């Protein structure tokens, strides 16, 4: 079997994902143009093909049943965090697309200390239910701690943030996605009083207001 055929076969298997898939696609393009591989590329190619073999695909198929039954909801929760980080970004993208990640790499991500913190926050009950009137804590930083859905000019964002700082707002939704591994990272979608555009802020920067005004 030619090298190109070996690569195409590996790419046809669901066990080939994340960085491995991107590498094989790059090497396939390289070879299809008639270019030769460096010694390092050949060594890496051998390792990637070795872990995307028919035997690995068989193990991956068995793992898919375990993953979907035991890990998938938690995997999506931590993938939403890791997609922002460079190390597990490619695998996180696969998970959020609904693909089954490679077992050993996934378990390393799952047991990562930051993943554990994210899962703790994800599984923790929301402190503030929908309808709660909240105001920002002193630690709230307008420029770093506020999120908006969709594109919006900075001046409009700033107007909403300043209004929230003055008047507070009400919880519209407890967000499912956790984006940081800090304590109090559960996110809330709030509607500032007098505004029609919601704002998203983490729990650690919020507190109950005494009254709305």
Protein backbone atom coordinates (compact mmCIF):
# COMPACT_ATOMS: atom_id res chain seq x y z
CA UNK A 1 0.00 0.00 0.00
CA UNK A 2 1.38 3.41 -0.95
CA UNK A 3 1.91 6.15 1.63
CA UNK A 4 -0.90 8.20 0.08
CA UNK A 5 -3.28 5.25 0.28
CA UNK A 6 -2.30 4.63 3.92
CA UNK A 7 -3.06 8.24 4.76
CA UNK A 8 -6.41 8.17 2.92
CA UNK A 9 -7.35 4.99 4.77
CA UNK A 10 -6.44 6.53 8.12
CA UNK A 11 -8.47 9.65 7.29
CA UNK A 12 -11.50 7.47 6.54
CA UNK A 13 -11.53 6.25 10.15
CA UNK A 14 -13.35 8.12 12.93
CA UNK A 15 -10.46 7.41 15.32
CA UNK A 16 -8.47 9.97 13.32
CA UNK A 17 -9.38 13.38 14.69
CA UNK A 18 -8.02 16.63 16.08
CA UNK A 19 -4.33 17.28 15.45
CA UNK A 20 -3.76 13.87 13.83
CA UNK A 21 -6.38 14.55 11.16
CA UNK A 22 -5.00 18.02 10.45
CA UNK A 23 -1.46 16.62 10.17
CA UNK A 24 -2.47 13.82 7.80
CA UNK A 25 -4.46 16.20 5.61
CA UNK A 26 -1.42 18.48 5.40
CA UNK A 27 0.94 15.61 4.51
CA UNK A 28 -1.53 14.27 1.93
CA UNK A 29 -1.64 17.66 0.24
CA UNK A 30 2.16 17.81 0.38
CA UNK A 31 2.58 14.40 -1.29
CA UNK A 32 -0.17 15.05 -3.85
CA UNK A 33 1.89 17.99 -5.10
CA UNK A 34 4.86 15.69 -5.64
CA UNK A 35 6.85 17.04 -2.73
CA UNK A 36 9.07 14.89 -0.52
CA UNK A 37 8.87 14.62 3.25
CA UNK A 38 11.56 15.56 5.70
CA UNK A 39 12.91 12.97 8.12
CA UNK A 40 10.93 14.54 10.96
CA UNK A 41 7.73 14.51 8.91
CA UNK A 42 8.27 10.84 8.07
CA UNK A 43 8.82 9.97 11.74
CA UNK A 44 5.70 11.86 12.82
CA UNK A 45 3.69 10.31 10.01
CA UNK A 46 4.67 6.85 11.19
CA UNK A 47 3.50 7.62 14.73
CA UNK A 48 0.17 9.06 13.54
CA UNK A 49 -0.53 6.12 11.23
CA UNK A 50 0.35 3.73 14.06
CA UNK A 51 -2.32 5.24 16.31
CA UNK A 52 -5.00 5.38 13.60
CA UNK A 53 -4.77 1.73 12.57
CA UNK A 54 -7.63 -0.72 12.03
CA UNK A 55 -7.06 -2.05 15.55
CA UNK A 56 -7.25 1.45 16.97
CA UNK A 57 -10.49 2.03 15.04
CA UNK A 58 -11.96 -1.11 16.59
CA UNK A 59 -11.02 0.06 20.08
CA UNK A 60 -12.38 3.51 19.22
CA UNK A 61 -15.75 2.00 18.23
CA UNK A 62 -15.99 0.26 21.62
CA UNK A 63 -14.89 3.48 23.35
CA UNK A 64 -17.62 5.45 21.56
CA UNK A 65 -20.29 3.49 23.44
CA UNK A 66 -18.60 4.20 26.78
CA UNK A 67 -18.00 7.85 25.91
CA UNK A 68 -21.59 8.53 24.83
CA UNK A 69 -22.99 6.77 27.90
CA UNK A 70 -20.67 8.15 30.59
CA UNK A 71 -18.77 11.20 29.40
CA UNK A 72 -20.49 13.15 26.63
CA UNK A 73 -22.38 15.82 28.68
CA UNK A 74 -19.30 16.51 30.83
CA UNK A 75 -17.09 16.45 27.74
CA UNK A 76 -19.14 19.19 26.08
CA UNK A 77 -18.96 21.28 29.26
CA UNK A 78 -15.17 21.17 29.48
CA UNK A 79 -14.75 21.48 25.71
CA UNK A 80 -16.51 24.86 25.85
CA UNK A 81 -13.70 25.97 28.17
CA UNK A 82 -10.77 24.30 26.38
CA UNK A 83 -11.78 25.60 22.95
CA UNK A 84 -10.48 28.96 24.17
CA UNK A 85 -7.12 27.43 25.17
CA UNK A 86 -4.43 26.28 22.71
CA UNK A 87 -3.50 22.86 24.11
CA UNK A 88 -6.79 20.95 23.73
CA UNK A 89 -8.43 23.31 21.24
CA UNK A 90 -8.60 20.89 18.29
CA UNK A 91 -10.08 18.07 20.36
CA UNK A 92 -12.54 20.51 21.96
CA UNK A 93 -13.69 21.53 18.48
CA UNK A 94 -14.28 17.87 17.57
CA UNK A 95 -16.29 17.30 20.76
CA UNK A 96 -18.49 20.33 20.17
CA UNK A 97 -19.14 19.06 16.61
CA UNK A 98 -20.46 15.83 18.12
CA UNK A 99 -17.46 13.68 17.29
CA UNK A 100 -16.06 11.04 19.67
CA UNK A 101 -12.56 12.06 20.80
CA UNK A 102 -9.59 9.70 20.90
CA UNK A 103 -9.72 7.91 24.27
CA UNK A 104 -6.29 8.48 25.80
CA UNK A 105 -6.10 12.15 24.80
CA UNK A 106 -9.64 12.78 26.01
CA UNK A 107 -8.99 11.19 29.41
CA UNK A 108 -5.93 13.41 29.84
CA UNK A 109 -8.10 16.44 29.14
CA UNK A 110 -10.87 15.13 31.38
CA UNK A 111 -8.45 14.64 34.30
CA UNK A 112 -6.81 18.03 33.76
CA UNK A 113 -6.99 20.20 36.90
CA UNK A 114 -8.71 23.01 35.02
CA UNK A 115 -11.29 20.60 33.59
CA UNK A 116 -12.13 19.47 37.12
CA UNK A 117 -12.65 23.06 38.22
CA UNK A 118 -14.86 23.77 35.20
CA UNK A 119 -16.98 20.68 35.89
CA UNK A 120 -17.37 21.68 39.53
CA UNK A 121 -18.74 25.06 38.46
CA UNK A 122 -20.89 23.52 35.73
CA UNK A 123 -22.51 21.02 38.10
CA UNK A 124 -22.94 23.50 40.95
CA UNK A 125 -26.45 24.83 41.50
CA UNK A 126 -26.96 28.43 40.44
CA UNK A 127 -26.88 30.85 43.34
CA UNK A 128 -29.25 33.25 41.61
CA UNK A 129 -32.44 31.95 39.94
CA UNK A 130 -34.16 33.56 36.96
CA UNK A 131 -35.82 36.83 37.98
CA UNK A 132 -33.30 37.72 40.71
CA UNK A 133 -32.30 41.40 40.89
CA UNK A 134 -28.51 41.68 40.82
CA UNK A 135 -25.92 44.42 40.95
CA UNK A 136 -22.17 44.28 40.24
CA UNK A 137 -19.64 43.60 42.98
CA UNK A 138 -16.76 46.03 43.52
CA UNK A 139 -14.44 43.62 41.64
CA UNK A 140 -16.50 43.93 38.46
CA UNK A 141 -14.37 45.34 35.63
CA UNK A 142 -16.48 46.80 32.85
CA UNK A 143 -14.01 45.97 30.11
CA UNK A 144 -12.98 42.43 31.10
CA UNK A 145 -15.97 40.91 32.87
CA UNK A 146 -18.91 41.71 30.58
CA UNK A 147 -19.95 39.71 27.52
CA UNK A 148 -22.47 40.41 24.79
CA UNK A 149 -24.11 38.15 22.21
CA UNK A 150 -23.37 39.13 18.64
CA UNK A 151 -21.48 42.10 17.26
CA UNK A 152 -22.03 45.49 18.80
CA UNK A 153 -20.15 48.78 18.67
CA UNK A 154 -18.10 49.54 21.76
CA UNK A 155 -20.00 52.75 22.57
CA UNK A 156 -23.29 50.83 22.80
CA UNK A 157 -21.69 48.14 24.96
CA UNK A 158 -20.25 50.76 27.27
CA UNK A 159 -23.63 52.48 27.61
CA UNK A 160 -25.27 49.19 28.67
CA UNK A 161 -22.46 48.36 31.11
CA UNK A 162 -22.58 51.78 32.74
CA UNK A 163 -26.36 51.53 33.08
CA UNK A 164 -25.99 48.11 34.71
CA UNK A 165 -23.41 49.48 37.14
CA UNK A 166 -25.80 52.25 38.16
CA UNK A 167 -29.12 50.42 38.18
CA UNK A 168 -28.46 46.66 38.20
CA UNK A 169 -30.52 44.14 36.27
CA UNK A 170 -32.58 40.96 36.38
CA UNK A 171 -31.50 37.39 35.60
CA UNK A 172 -32.98 36.19 32.30
CA UNK A 173 -31.10 32.90 32.08
CA UNK A 174 -28.44 30.80 33.82
CA UNK A 175 -25.97 30.02 31.03
CA UNK A 176 -24.87 26.43 30.49
CA UNK A 177 -21.38 27.25 29.20
CA UNK A 178 -18.50 27.83 31.64
CA UNK A 179 -15.62 29.85 30.21
CA UNK A 180 -13.19 30.07 33.13
CA UNK A 181 -11.86 27.66 35.75
CA UNK A 182 -12.33 30.09 38.64
CA UNK A 183 -14.65 29.69 41.60
CA UNK A 184 -17.93 31.45 40.83
CA UNK A 185 -17.52 31.02 37.05
CA UNK A 186 -21.19 30.18 36.41
CA UNK A 187 -22.47 32.74 33.91
CA UNK A 188 -25.75 34.69 33.96
CA UNK A 189 -27.57 36.49 31.19
CA UNK A 190 -28.98 39.67 32.70
CA UNK A 191 -31.18 42.45 31.40
CA UNK A 192 -30.04 45.78 32.84
CA UNK A 193 -32.91 48.03 33.92
CA UNK A 194 -33.92 50.35 31.12
CA UNK A 195 -32.15 48.29 28.43
CA UNK A 196 -33.37 45.91 25.72
CA UNK A 197 -30.01 44.18 25.20
CA UNK A 198 -28.84 41.53 27.70
CA UNK A 199 -25.37 41.27 29.19
CA UNK A 200 -23.54 38.14 30.40
CA UNK A 201 -21.53 38.21 33.64
CA UNK A 202 -19.98 35.54 35.87
CA UNK A 203 -21.43 34.84 39.31
CA UNK A 204 -18.27 35.94 41.15
CA UNK A 205 -18.82 39.52 39.96
CA UNK A 206 -22.48 39.70 41.01
CA UNK A 207 -24.48 40.09 44.20
CA UNK A 208 -28.14 40.56 45.14
CA UNK A 209 -29.38 44.11 45.01
CA UNK A 210 -31.46 45.51 47.83
CA UNK A 211 -34.08 46.94 45.51
CA UNK A 212 -34.67 47.78 41.88
CA UNK A 213 -34.86 51.35 40.74
